PDB file of N, CA and C in Angstrom:
ATOM      1  N   UNK A   1    -179.997 183.563 117.933  1.00  0.00           N
ATOM      2  CA  UNK A   1    -178.915 183.248 118.995  1.00  0.00           C
ATOM      3  C   UNK A   1    -179.425 184.115 120.153  1.00  0.00           C
ATOM      4  N   UNK A   2    -179.174 183.485 121.216  1.00  0.00           N
ATOM      5  CA  UNK A   2    -179.477 183.909 122.561  1.00  0.00           C
ATOM      6  C   UNK A   2    -178.282 184.322 123.267  1.00  0.00           C
ATOM      7  N   UNK A   3    -178.170 185.534 123.869  1.00  0.00           N
ATOM      8  CA  UNK A   3    -176.877 185.976 124.631  1.00  0.00           C
ATOM      9  C   UNK A   3    -177.371 185.959 126.074  1.00  0.00           C
ATOM     10  N   UNK A   4    -176.741 185.210 126.889  1.00  0.00           N
ATOM     11  CA  UNK A   4    -176.774 185.262 128.393  1.00  0.00           C
ATOM     12  C   UNK A   4    -175.740 186.074 128.949  1.00  0.00           C
ATOM     13  N   UNK A   5    -176.132 187.266 129.366  1.00  0.00           N
ATOM     14  CA  UNK A   5    -175.091 188.168 129.965  1.00  0.00           C
ATOM     15  C   UNK A   5    -175.108 188.326 131.416  1.00  0.00           C
ATOM     16  N   UNK A   6    -173.919 188.263 131.979  1.00  0.00           N
ATOM     17  CA  UNK A   6    -173.851 188.304 133.492  1.00  0.00           C
ATOM     18  C   UNK A   6    -172.861 189.621 133.690  1.00  0.00           C
ATOM     19  N   UNK A   7    -173.496 190.619 134.426  1.00  0.00           N
ATOM     20  CA  UNK A   7    -172.765 191.652 134.813  1.00  0.00           C
ATOM     21  C   UNK A   7    -172.374 191.489 136.196  1.00  0.00           C
ATOM     22  N   UNK A   8    -171.075 191.558 136.544  1.00  0.00           N
ATOM     23  CA  UNK A   8    -170.591 191.098 137.976  1.00  0.00           C
ATOM     24  C   UNK A   8    -169.720 192.252 138.528  1.00  0.00           C
ATOM     25  N   UNK A   9    -170.173 192.588 139.725  1.00  0.00           N
ATOM     26  CA  UNK A   9    -169.179 193.494 140.550  1.00  0.00           C
ATOM     27  C   UNK A   9    -168.532 192.695 141.508  1.00  0.00           C
ATOM     28  N   UNK A  10    -167.237 192.551 141.575  1.00  0.00           N
ATOM     29  CA  UNK A  10    -166.367 191.801 142.529  1.00  0.00           C
ATOM     30  C   UNK A  10    -165.594 192.751 143.411  1.00  0.00           C
ATOM     31  N   UNK A  11    -165.680 192.539 144.676  1.00  0.00           N
ATOM     32  CA  UNK A  11    -165.014 193.469 145.632  1.00  0.00           C
ATOM     33  C   UNK A  11    -163.462 193.331 145.408  1.00  0.00           C
ATOM     34  N   UNK A  12    -162.833 194.372 145.697  1.00  0.00           N
ATOM     35  CA  UNK A  12    -161.258 194.546 145.417  1.00  0.00           C
ATOM     36  C   UNK A  12    -160.545 193.436 146.157  1.00  0.00           C
ATOM     37  N   UNK A  13    -160.883 193.073 147.428  1.00  0.00           N
ATOM     38  CA  UNK A  13    -160.022 192.165 148.136  1.00  0.00           C
ATOM     39  C   UNK A  13    -160.113 190.702 147.528  1.00  0.00           C
ATOM     40  N   UNK A  14    -161.186 190.412 146.815  1.00  0.00           N
ATOM     41  CA  UNK A  14    -161.417 189.022 146.226  1.00  0.00           C
ATOM     42  C   UNK A  14    -161.147 189.080 144.821  1.00  0.00           C
ATOM     43  N   UNK A  15    -160.728 190.188 144.166  1.00  0.00           N
ATOM     44  CA  UNK A  15    -160.701 190.271 142.747  1.00  0.00           C
ATOM     45  C   UNK A  15    -159.785 189.216 142.056  1.00  0.00           C
ATOM     46  N   UNK A  16    -158.560 189.346 142.406  1.00  0.00           N
ATOM     47  CA  UNK A  16    -157.516 188.439 141.762  1.00  0.00           C
ATOM     48  C   UNK A  16    -157.939 186.945 141.898  1.00  0.00           C
ATOM     49  N   UNK A  17    -158.225 186.548 142.986  1.00  0.00           N
ATOM     50  CA  UNK A  17    -158.591 185.118 143.328  1.00  0.00           C
ATOM     51  C   UNK A  17    -159.904 184.790 142.500  1.00  0.00           C
ATOM     52  N   UNK A  18    -160.930 185.730 142.458  1.00  0.00           N
ATOM     53  CA  UNK A  18    -162.175 185.501 141.718  1.00  0.00           C
ATOM     54  C   UNK A  18    -161.787 185.444 140.191  1.00  0.00           C
ATOM     55  N   UNK A  19    -160.945 186.367 139.649  1.00  0.00           N
ATOM     56  CA  UNK A  19    -160.636 186.393 138.167  1.00  0.00           C
ATOM     57  C   UNK A  19    -159.915 185.064 137.809  1.00  0.00           C
ATOM     58  N   UNK A  20    -159.000 184.605 138.664  1.00  0.00           N
ATOM     59  CA  UNK A  20    -158.304 183.435 138.314  1.00  0.00           C
ATOM     60  C   UNK A  20    -159.338 182.279 138.380  1.00  0.00           C
ATOM     61  N   UNK A  21    -160.135 182.238 139.357  1.00  0.00           N
ATOM     62  CA  UNK A  21    -161.140 181.035 139.484  1.00  0.00           C
ATOM     63  C   UNK A  21    -162.121 181.111 138.207  1.00  0.00           C
ATOM     64  N   UNK A  22    -162.545 182.259 137.879  1.00  0.00           N
ATOM     65  CA  UNK A  22    -163.491 182.387 136.777  1.00  0.00           C
ATOM     66  C   UNK A  22    -162.796 181.773 135.530  1.00  0.00           C
ATOM     67  N   UNK A  23    -161.781 182.207 135.338  1.00  0.00           N
ATOM     68  CA  UNK A  23    -161.031 181.772 134.065  1.00  0.00           C
ATOM     69  C   UNK A  23    -160.623 180.258 133.990  1.00  0.00           C
ATOM     70  N   UNK A  24    -160.149 179.718 135.132  1.00  0.00           N
ATOM     71  CA  UNK A  24    -159.568 178.468 135.183  1.00  0.00           C
ATOM     72  C   UNK A  24    -160.629 177.358 135.570  1.00  0.00           C
ATOM     73  N   UNK A  25    -161.722 177.768 136.207  1.00  0.00           N
ATOM     74  CA  UNK A  25    -162.661 176.817 136.795  1.00  0.00           C
ATOM     75  C   UNK A  25    -164.046 177.096 136.372  1.00  0.00           C
ATOM     76  N   UNK A  26    -164.707 178.247 136.832  1.00  0.00           N
ATOM     77  CA  UNK A  26    -165.972 178.329 136.389  1.00  0.00           C
ATOM     78  C   UNK A  26    -166.447 178.403 135.021  1.00  0.00           C
ATOM     79  N   UNK A  27    -165.870 179.342 134.279  1.00  0.00           N
ATOM     80  CA  UNK A  27    -166.162 179.478 132.889  1.00  0.00           C
ATOM     81  C   UNK A  27    -165.955 178.118 132.246  1.00  0.00           C
ATOM     82  N   UNK A  28    -164.896 177.477 132.327  1.00  0.00           N
ATOM     83  CA  UNK A  28    -164.708 176.125 131.611  1.00  0.00           C
ATOM     84  C   UNK A  28    -165.899 175.140 132.084  1.00  0.00           C
ATOM     85  N   UNK A  29    -166.251 175.097 133.280  1.00  0.00           N
ATOM     86  CA  UNK A  29    -167.373 174.341 133.704  1.00  0.00           C
ATOM     87  C   UNK A  29    -168.579 174.648 133.034  1.00  0.00           C
ATOM     88  N   UNK A  30    -168.891 175.965 132.832  1.00  0.00           N
ATOM     89  CA  UNK A  30    -170.123 176.393 132.080  1.00  0.00           C
ATOM     90  C   UNK A  30    -170.067 175.932 130.639  1.00  0.00           C
ATOM     91  N   UNK A  31    -168.964 176.173 130.020  1.00  0.00           N
ATOM     92  CA  UNK A  31    -168.707 175.697 128.622  1.00  0.00           C
ATOM     93  C   UNK A  31    -168.816 174.165 128.454  1.00  0.00           C
ATOM     94  N   UNK A  32    -168.356 173.393 129.470  1.00  0.00           N
ATOM     95  CA  UNK A  32    -168.358 171.974 129.324  1.00  0.00           C
ATOM     96  C   UNK A  32    -169.853 171.459 129.336  1.00  0.00           C
ATOM     97  N   UNK A  33    -170.904 172.252 129.827  1.00  0.00           N
ATOM     98  CA  UNK A  33    -172.218 171.750 129.841  1.00  0.00           C
ATOM     99  C   UNK A  33    -172.792 171.562 128.459  1.00  0.00           C
ATOM    100  N   UNK A  34    -172.086 172.046 127.544  1.00  0.00           N
ATOM    101  CA  UNK A  34    -172.437 171.935 125.931  1.00  0.00           C
ATOM    102  C   UNK A  34    -173.533 172.764 125.433  1.00  0.00           C
ATOM    103  N   UNK A  35    -174.116 173.671 126.387  1.00  0.00           N
ATOM    104  CA  UNK A  35    -175.124 174.475 125.905  1.00  0.00           C
ATOM    105  C   UNK A  35    -174.854 175.750 125.323  1.00  0.00           C
ATOM    106  N   UNK A  36    -173.608 176.043 125.363  1.00  0.00           N
ATOM    107  CA  UNK A  36    -173.119 177.425 124.822  1.00  0.00           C
ATOM    108  C   UNK A  36    -172.068 177.270 123.708  1.00  0.00           C
ATOM    109  N   UNK A  37    -172.171 177.994 122.628  1.00  0.00           N
ATOM    110  CA  UNK A  37    -171.310 177.853 121.475  1.00  0.00           C
ATOM    111  C   UNK A  37    -169.934 178.574 121.697  1.00  0.00           C
ATOM    112  N   UNK A  38    -169.852 179.632 122.552  1.00  0.00           N
ATOM    113  CA  UNK A  38    -168.629 180.403 122.845  1.00  0.00           C
ATOM    114  C   UNK A  38    -169.129 181.495 123.880  1.00  0.00           C
ATOM    115  N   UNK A  39    -168.046 182.204 124.426  1.00  0.00           N
ATOM    116  CA  UNK A  39    -168.327 183.172 125.455  1.00  0.00           C
ATOM    117  C   UNK A  39    -167.325 184.232 125.214  1.00  0.00           C
ATOM    118  N   UNK A  40    -167.563 185.395 125.781  1.00  0.00           N
ATOM    119  CA  UNK A  40    -166.566 186.543 125.904  1.00  0.00           C
ATOM    120  C   UNK A  40    -166.715 187.157 127.317  1.00  0.00           C
ATOM    121  N   UNK A  41    -165.538 187.620 127.685  1.00  0.00           N
ATOM    122  CA  UNK A  41    -165.489 188.335 128.980  1.00  0.00           C
ATOM    123  C   UNK A  41    -164.913 189.717 128.783  1.00  0.00           C
ATOM    124  N   UNK A  42    -165.576 190.675 129.409  1.00  0.00           N
ATOM    125  CA  UNK A  42    -165.136 192.036 129.318  1.00  0.00           C
ATOM    126  C   UNK A  42    -164.954 192.670 130.642  1.00  0.00           C
ATOM    127  N   UNK A  43    -164.058 193.496 130.683  1.00  0.00           N
ATOM    128  CA  UNK A  43    -163.960 194.290 131.988  1.00  0.00           C
ATOM    129  C   UNK A  43    -164.599 195.698 131.690  1.00  0.00           C
ATOM    130  N   UNK A  44    -165.539 196.106 132.507  1.00  0.00           N
ATOM    131  CA  UNK A  44    -166.208 197.440 132.201  1.00  0.00           C
ATOM    132  C   UNK A  44    -165.215 198.605 132.671  1.00  0.00           C
ATOM    133  N   UNK A  45    -165.123 199.493 131.640  1.00  0.00           N
ATOM    134  CA  UNK A  45    -164.255 200.661 131.817  1.00  0.00           C
ATOM    135  C   UNK A  45    -164.950 201.861 132.437  1.00  0.00           C
ATOM    136  N   UNK A  46    -166.272 201.854 132.522  1.00  0.00           N
ATOM    137  CA  UNK A  46    -167.064 202.834 133.084  1.00  0.00           C
ATOM    138  C   UNK A  46    -167.754 202.198 134.318  1.00  0.00           C
ATOM    139  N   UNK A  47    -167.979 203.042 135.338  1.00  0.00           N
ATOM    140  CA  UNK A  47    -168.821 202.618 136.471  1.00  0.00           C
ATOM    141  C   UNK A  47    -169.496 203.851 137.201  1.00  0.00           C
ATOM    142  N   UNK A  48    -170.538 203.558 137.983  1.00  0.00           N
ATOM    143  CA  UNK A  48    -171.214 204.512 138.662  1.00  0.00           C
ATOM    144  C   UNK A  48    -170.243 205.252 139.488  1.00  0.00           C
ATOM    145  N   UNK A  49    -170.535 206.444 139.873  1.00  0.00           N
ATOM    146  CA  UNK A  49    -169.692 207.225 140.767  1.00  0.00           C
ATOM    147  C   UNK A  49    -169.471 206.666 142.134  1.00  0.00           C
ATOM    148  N   UNK A  50    -170.568 206.035 142.679  1.00  0.00           N
ATOM    149  CA  UNK A  50    -170.390 205.410 144.063  1.00  0.00           C
ATOM    150  C   UNK A  50    -169.991 203.948 143.995  1.00  0.00           C
ATOM    151  N   UNK A  51    -169.571 203.493 142.920  1.00  0.00           N
ATOM    152  CA  UNK A  51    -169.134 201.999 142.780  1.00  0.00           C
ATOM    153  C   UNK A  51    -167.860 201.750 143.282  1.00  0.00           C
ATOM    154  N   UNK A  52    -167.900 200.524 144.028  1.00  0.00           N
ATOM    155  CA  UNK A  52    -166.644 200.133 144.552  1.00  0.00           C
ATOM    156  C   UNK A  52    -166.303 198.649 143.799  1.00  0.00           C
ATOM    157  N   UNK A  53    -165.106 198.256 143.831  1.00  0.00           N
ATOM    158  CA  UNK A  53    -164.913 196.946 143.390  1.00  0.00           C
ATOM    159  C   UNK A  53    -164.608 197.207 141.755  1.00  0.00           C
ATOM    160  N   UNK A  54    -164.617 195.968 141.103  1.00  0.00           N
ATOM    161  CA  UNK A  54    -164.470 195.996 139.614  1.00  0.00           C
ATOM    162  C   UNK A  54    -165.530 195.303 138.997  1.00  0.00           C
ATOM    163  N   UNK A  55    -165.826 195.855 137.843  1.00  0.00           N
ATOM    164  CA  UNK A  55    -167.165 195.285 137.002  1.00  0.00           C
ATOM    165  C   UNK A  55    -166.662 194.484 135.836  1.00  0.00           C
ATOM    166  N   UNK A  56    -167.400 193.366 135.628  1.00  0.00           N
ATOM    167  CA  UNK A  56    -167.252 192.615 134.473  1.00  0.00           C
ATOM    168  C   UNK A  56    -168.419 192.257 133.789  1.00  0.00           C
ATOM    169  N   UNK A  57    -168.333 191.902 132.506  1.00  0.00           N
ATOM    170  CA  UNK A  57    -169.586 191.336 131.775  1.00  0.00           C
ATOM    171  C   UNK A  57    -169.037 190.069 131.119  1.00  0.00           C
ATOM    172  N   UNK A  58    -169.804 188.906 131.345  1.00  0.00           N
ATOM    173  CA  UNK A  58    -169.437 187.761 130.906  1.00  0.00           C
ATOM    174  C   UNK A  58    -170.675 187.342 129.969  1.00  0.00           C
ATOM    175  N   UNK A  59    -170.304 187.026 128.680  1.00  0.00           N
ATOM    176  CA  UNK A  59    -171.334 186.855 127.715  1.00  0.00           C
ATOM    177  C   UNK A  59    -171.397 185.488 127.201  1.00  0.00           C
ATOM    178  N   UNK A  60    -172.317 184.646 127.389  1.00  0.00           N
ATOM    179  CA  UNK A  60    -172.362 183.196 126.866  1.00  0.00           C
ATOM    180  C   UNK A  60    -173.468 183.198 125.733  1.00  0.00           C
ATOM    181  N   UNK A  61    -172.981 182.692 124.598  1.00  0.00           N
ATOM    182  CA  UNK A  61    -173.890 182.453 123.315  1.00  0.00           C
ATOM    183  C   UNK A  61    -174.521 181.118 123.263  1.00  0.00           C
ATOM    184  N   UNK A  62    -175.829 181.151 123.092  1.00  0.00           N
ATOM    185  CA  UNK A  62    -176.628 179.843 123.036  1.00  0.00           C
ATOM    186  C   UNK A  62    -177.391 179.851 121.676  1.00  0.00           C
ATOM    187  N   UNK A  63    -177.597 178.636 121.086  1.00  0.00           N
ATOM    188  CA  UNK A  63    -178.304 178.738 119.868  1.00  0.00           C
ATOM    189  C   UNK A  63    -179.823 178.981 119.920  1.00  0.00           C
ATOM    190  N   UNK A  64    -180.433 178.721 121.063  1.00  0.00           N
ATOM    191  CA  UNK A  64    -181.926 178.921 121.136  1.00  0.00           C
ATOM    192  C   UNK A  64    -182.426 179.113 122.576  1.00  0.00           C
ATOM    193  N   UNK A  65    -183.469 179.633 122.833  1.00  0.00           N
ATOM    194  CA  UNK A  65    -184.129 179.785 124.093  1.00  0.00           C
ATOM    195  C   UNK A  65    -184.365 178.364 124.786  1.00  0.00           C
ATOM    196  N   UNK A  66    -184.676 177.578 123.923  1.00  0.00           N
ATOM    197  CA  UNK A  66    -185.078 176.142 124.485  1.00  0.00           C
ATOM    198  C   UNK A  66    -183.699 175.633 125.107  1.00  0.00           C
ATOM    199  N   UNK A  67    -182.586 175.715 124.485  1.00  0.00           N
ATOM    200  CA  UNK A  67    -181.471 175.161 125.019  1.00  0.00           C
ATOM    201  C   UNK A  67    -181.014 175.886 126.207  1.00  0.00           C
ATOM    202  N   UNK A  68    -181.293 177.255 126.225  1.00  0.00           N
ATOM    203  CA  UNK A  68    -180.884 178.051 127.489  1.00  0.00           C
ATOM    204  C   UNK A  68    -181.761 177.624 128.611  1.00  0.00           C
ATOM    205  N   UNK A  69    -183.046 177.539 128.373  1.00  0.00           N
ATOM    206  CA  UNK A  69    -184.101 177.051 129.507  1.00  0.00           C
ATOM    207  C   UNK A  69    -183.445 175.682 130.072  1.00  0.00           C
ATOM    208  N   UNK A  70    -183.039 174.820 129.166  1.00  0.00           N
ATOM    209  CA  UNK A  70    -182.693 173.470 129.603  1.00  0.00           C
ATOM    210  C   UNK A  70    -181.276 173.658 130.458  1.00  0.00           C
ATOM    211  N   UNK A  71    -180.412 174.516 130.056  1.00  0.00           N
ATOM    212  CA  UNK A  71    -179.136 174.733 130.873  1.00  0.00           C
ATOM    213  C   UNK A  71    -179.664 175.465 132.310  1.00  0.00           C
ATOM    214  N   UNK A  72    -180.454 176.261 132.185  1.00  0.00           N
ATOM    215  CA  UNK A  72    -181.070 176.885 133.570  1.00  0.00           C
ATOM    216  C   UNK A  72    -181.601 175.813 134.512  1.00  0.00           C
ATOM    217  N   UNK A  73    -182.308 174.870 133.819  1.00  0.00           N
ATOM    218  CA  UNK A  73    -182.939 173.794 134.611  1.00  0.00           C
ATOM    219  C   UNK A  73    -182.003 172.877 135.266  1.00  0.00           C
ATOM    220  N   UNK A  74    -181.114 172.433 134.230  1.00  0.00           N
ATOM    221  CA  UNK A  74    -180.102 171.308 134.619  1.00  0.00           C
ATOM    222  C   UNK A  74    -178.827 171.557 135.167  1.00  0.00           C
ATOM    223  N   UNK A  75    -178.254 172.815 134.930  1.00  0.00           N
ATOM    224  CA  UNK A  75    -176.898 173.027 135.405  1.00  0.00           C
ATOM    225  C   UNK A  75    -176.769 174.288 136.252  1.00  0.00           C
ATOM    226  N   UNK A  76    -177.659 175.318 135.906  1.00  0.00           N
ATOM    227  CA  UNK A  76    -177.383 176.665 136.489  1.00  0.00           C
ATOM    228  C   UNK A  76    -177.472 176.694 138.126  1.00  0.00           C
ATOM    229  N   UNK A  77    -178.280 176.017 138.667  1.00  0.00           N
ATOM    230  CA  UNK A  77    -178.384 176.007 140.157  1.00  0.00           C
ATOM    231  C   UNK A  77    -177.099 175.581 140.794  1.00  0.00           C
ATOM    232  N   UNK A  78    -176.588 174.400 140.322  1.00  0.00           N
ATOM    233  CA  UNK A  78    -175.420 173.876 140.910  1.00  0.00           C
ATOM    234  C   UNK A  78    -174.137 174.768 140.732  1.00  0.00           C
ATOM    235  N   UNK A  79    -174.081 175.393 139.448  1.00  0.00           N
ATOM    236  CA  UNK A  79    -172.968 176.286 139.030  1.00  0.00           C
ATOM    237  C   UNK A  79    -173.093 177.615 139.928  1.00  0.00           C
ATOM    238  N   UNK A  80    -174.266 178.062 140.090  1.00  0.00           N
ATOM    239  CA  UNK A  80    -174.408 179.296 140.908  1.00  0.00           C
ATOM    240  C   UNK A  80    -174.012 178.994 142.420  1.00  0.00           C
ATOM    241  N   UNK A  81    -174.486 177.929 142.823  1.00  0.00           N
ATOM    242  CA  UNK A  81    -174.204 177.421 144.174  1.00  0.00           C
ATOM    243  C   UNK A  81    -172.607 177.415 144.500  1.00  0.00           C
ATOM    244  N   UNK A  82    -171.936 176.937 143.402  1.00  0.00           N
ATOM    245  CA  UNK A  82    -170.435 176.813 143.592  1.00  0.00           C
ATOM    246  C   UNK A  82    -169.706 178.190 143.610  1.00  0.00           C
ATOM    247  N   UNK A  83    -170.329 179.166 142.866  1.00  0.00           N
ATOM    248  CA  UNK A  83    -169.777 180.433 142.956  1.00  0.00           C
ATOM    249  C   UNK A  83    -170.031 180.976 144.436  1.00  0.00           C
ATOM    250  N   UNK A  84    -171.158 180.810 144.937  1.00  0.00           N
ATOM    251  CA  UNK A  84    -171.520 181.251 146.361  1.00  0.00           C
ATOM    252  C   UNK A  84    -170.585 180.558 147.325  1.00  0.00           C
ATOM    253  N   UNK A  85    -170.303 179.358 147.118  1.00  0.00           N
ATOM    254  CA  UNK A  85    -169.526 178.555 148.031  1.00  0.00           C
ATOM    255  C   UNK A  85    -168.058 179.329 148.155  1.00  0.00           C
ATOM    256  N   UNK A  86    -167.618 179.701 147.029  1.00  0.00           N
ATOM    257  CA  UNK A  86    -166.370 180.410 146.996  1.00  0.00           C
ATOM    258  C   UNK A  86    -166.316 181.915 147.191  1.00  0.00           C
ATOM    259  N   UNK A  87    -167.295 182.618 146.925  1.00  0.00           N
ATOM    260  CA  UNK A  87    -167.431 184.034 146.985  1.00  0.00           C
ATOM    261  C   UNK A  87    -168.608 184.644 147.573  1.00  0.00           C
ATOM    262  N   UNK A  88    -169.455 184.021 148.198  1.00  0.00           N
ATOM    263  CA  UNK A  88    -170.578 184.652 148.752  1.00  0.00           C
ATOM    264  C   UNK A  88    -170.379 185.854 149.570  1.00  0.00           C
ATOM    265  N   UNK A  89    -171.117 186.897 149.242  1.00  0.00           N
ATOM    266  CA  UNK A  89    -170.995 188.165 149.971  1.00  0.00           C
ATOM    267  C   UNK A  89    -169.852 189.037 149.452  1.00  0.00           C
ATOM    268  N   UNK A  90    -169.132 188.591 148.408  1.00  0.00           N
ATOM    269  CA  UNK A  90    -168.015 189.216 147.768  1.00  0.00           C
ATOM    270  C   UNK A  90    -168.386 189.843 146.345  1.00  0.00           C
ATOM    271  N   UNK A  91    -169.437 189.511 145.863  1.00  0.00           N
ATOM    272  CA  UNK A  91    -169.834 189.819 144.471  1.00  0.00           C
ATOM    273  C   UNK A  91    -171.387 190.206 144.353  1.00  0.00           C
ATOM    274  N   UNK A  92    -171.779 190.974 143.445  1.00  0.00           N
ATOM    275  CA  UNK A  92    -173.050 191.186 143.003  1.00  0.00           C
ATOM    276  C   UNK A  92    -173.231 190.821 141.500  1.00  0.00           C
ATOM    277  N   UNK A  93    -174.212 190.140 141.100  1.00  0.00           N
ATOM    278  CA  UNK A  93    -174.545 189.759 139.804  1.00  0.00           C
ATOM    279  C   UNK A  93    -175.928 190.333 139.268  1.00  0.00           C
ATOM    280  N   UNK A  94    -175.882 190.835 138.060  1.00  0.00           N
ATOM    281  CA  UNK A  94    -177.182 191.114 137.451  1.00  0.00           C
ATOM    282  C   UNK A  94    -177.185 190.337 136.076  1.00  0.00           C
ATOM    283  N   UNK A  95    -178.146 189.483 135.976  1.00  0.00           N
ATOM    284  CA  UNK A  95    -178.340 188.675 134.708  1.00  0.00           C
ATOM    285  C   UNK A  95    -179.306 189.188 133.751  1.00  0.00           C
ATOM    286  N   UNK A  96    -178.945 189.084 132.397  1.00  0.00           N
ATOM    287  CA  UNK A  96    -179.996 189.424 131.466  1.00  0.00           C
ATOM    288  C   UNK A  96    -179.838 188.374 130.358  1.00  0.00           C
ATOM    289  N   UNK A  97    -180.906 188.299 129.580  1.00  0.00           N
ATOM    290  CA  UNK A  97    -180.974 187.357 128.456  1.00  0.00           C
ATOM    291  C   UNK A  97    -181.521 188.320 127.145  1.00  0.00           C
ATOM    292  N   UNK A  98    -180.696 188.147 126.199  1.00  0.00           N
ATOM    293  CA  UNK A  98    -180.993 189.011 125.001  1.00  0.00           C
ATOM    294  C   UNK A  98    -181.073 188.206 123.916  1.00  0.00           C
ATOM    295  N   UNK A  99    -181.878 188.455 122.816  1.00  0.00           N
ATOM    296  CA  UNK A  99    -182.020 187.802 121.550  1.00  0.00           C
ATOM    297  C   UNK A  99    -181.581 188.525 120.493  1.00  0.00           C
ATOM    298  N   UNK A 100    -180.698 187.912 119.577  1.00  0.00           N
ATOM    299  CA  UNK A 100    -180.192 188.667 118.491  1.00  0.00           C
ATOM    300  C   UNK A 100    -181.253 188.911 117.416  1.00  0.00           C
ATOM    301  N   UNK A 101    -181.377 189.954 116.917  1.00  0.00           N
ATOM    302  CA  UNK A 101    -182.474 190.131 115.790  1.00  0.00           C
ATOM    303  C   UNK A 101    -181.894 190.615 114.542  1.00  0.00           C
ATOM    304  N   UNK A 102    -180.604 190.718 114.372  1.00  0.00           N
ATOM    305  CA  UNK A 102    -180.105 190.949 112.945  1.00  0.00           C
ATOM    306  C   UNK A 102    -178.854 190.180 112.577  1.00  0.00           C
TER     307      UNK A 102
END
């Protein structure tokens, strides 16, 4: 199992609109690609001392690295562009890919 984790910091003034858009539009569009079996969304309860905004982790679960690479090639660029279209300059994202080992 591959875990595609997005850690996102969204600025306060865009938070409510972003959260609604993520839940109602973006995450469903990612899931509709068919590459992920399920997802989880978490709000981080700890943050850096100088951190502003709100932090989230969105975790998408994929059956294999091959499927994830196909998603990255076929769908990720357009989905990321759509996020930028709505929230460019309002968020920061850190992406990581993890492999389940137990």
